[in-house]
Amino acid sequence: MKCSVTNCTRKATCFYLGWGRTKALRCDQHRDVKITHYAIEFYKLDNKAIEVKCQPLPPPTPPESAKRPKGFGDLVKPSPAPLLRILKSGLGPQLVGRWLDVPSYWYLEDMIYPGFTTVVLEGEPFFGWMNKVKSSLGFAVCRRSFEDLGWNRDPVLRTIAGPSLFLERELPKNTHFALPPHYATIWTRLNDILGGVRSARQAISDATFFGVHNESVAGGNVITACNAKGKLRFIVGEVAALSVFAETACPTLEAAKARIVHLLLGGNDPSDNASVVFVPQWAYHIDLQLLYLGRGTFAMHSFYKQQELVNAFFFKEADEARRGQLQRCIADLIQRYGDIQNATRDVLEAQGFRVIEVAGIFPTSVDHGHIKKPLFQPDGLAFCFLNGLSVFPDKVLIGHNVDTKSQFIELAYELFKDELADAGFEAVPIGNHLKYYERDVQAYMQKEEGGLRCRSTTLPTAAVEEHL
């Protein structure tokens, strides 16, 4: 390759790293000929750095128009930082450099930021696991019993106004409720789709931080994410709207959705900077089928990737019949839920998100939105990687036992980890053998239909120390 300076025919020995692409090839003579909008400079063509510099920071993010939630006012927004990644491509490894800016609504993102504490439910096994990685990843961990506040399942609901807990009260029931046609074949038992919402058993004493809401919206059905342009989107599973439709006097499903929009946006009208997006779902909670990684990216479970995993695994000759049985089970899932899966991806991409498809969980059948026990247990086919926690800027905590004796799960995790790495994220496995439960973390996550995101919530450390 030749130097890209005009009229130079010398061989290029280094290049500038631009915004997501390799550009500006330079020979030794022209290595100081700079282009001002390039972020990170001077890498040899053999991918070994000889010098790294950063141009001035990008323009600051415009001031936020919305008022910060109570208890969040003193947080300092993290500074942008240069992000280097080696990504795979058809031409081999490619170094990518760009500025990682922090969105305006960073404090509401479904992510652990510096200065945040992950609050783990008392009695859950995740506290010890997260203690092992907290120092290296820059966050704190504590345990609390929130049962009296109604939080004993699912993350605390995030809203524009701040964290909110469900307080049940007698509401007029909707006697005209009916499931839409595309869900009628998935759920027929209404009590199942309302699972996961718990009510506060006493008045919440600290009204300065926690809000309350009466809508039966489970935290597992709401993910707060920022798209590629830094715009805040509350990603809400349509089952949440069905719950509100059934449990209130809303005359229509659209009216129930409007009620959820009002809850999450605090009465503010949706705007380009912050809005609510409803996505179709096949699982009863969307954090079983979606994991927000950060930087406008979602990992989404794909039944097709699940099929590829089964095809790629080497079954012993005596077990080969299992492959065919699994293939038939997954083919049935594709037939039943493939359209929903594709529609979810289309909605997210239309909202400016990148979606990477992964085998993130391993259902062999789904019963009214709940993942049934996989076939051939306890033969090591159960795993759930999607119910994880993202850590700024590019780490993801995943429930996985690195000492697993299951070659199938070992292969599944390696493929999952590689998919995340190709997108610029690093999987951090937490949760080796669960001695308290006397079962492997994969079996625990499968039994609990999640467990990591469901049993924890992330709040500013100062707010935790003051209010909890």
Foldseek 3Di string as FASTA:
>chain_A
DAFPDPPGGDRFFWFFAAAFATDGGHHPVCQVVDDQRRAWGTAGPVRHHPDTDGHDDDDDDPADPADAAQPCVPDDDDAKDKDWAFFQDPVGTDIHIDIDGAFNVNQQAQAFEAQKEKEFEPPAPCQVFCVVCCVVQHYHYYYDHCVLQFQPWFAFAQARNATEAEAEDQADFAPPADDDPLCCVQADDLVVLLPQHTHRNDDDPPCSHYHYDHQSAHNLQWGWAAFLVSAIETEGELSSLSSNNGRHHQPDSVSSVVVVFCVRHVNDDDDLRYGYFYAYDNASGCLQAWADAHNQEIEGEDLVQVLVLLVPDDDPPVCVVVSVLLNVLSVVVCVSCVVSSVRRCVRSVVSRGHYFYANAFRASDAHSNAGDDDPPPPQPPFAHFRLWHHHPPAEIEGADAPPDPRPSVVSRVVRVQSSSSNVPHGYDYTFAQDVVVRGGRRVVCSVVVHRHSTRIYMHRPSSVVVPD
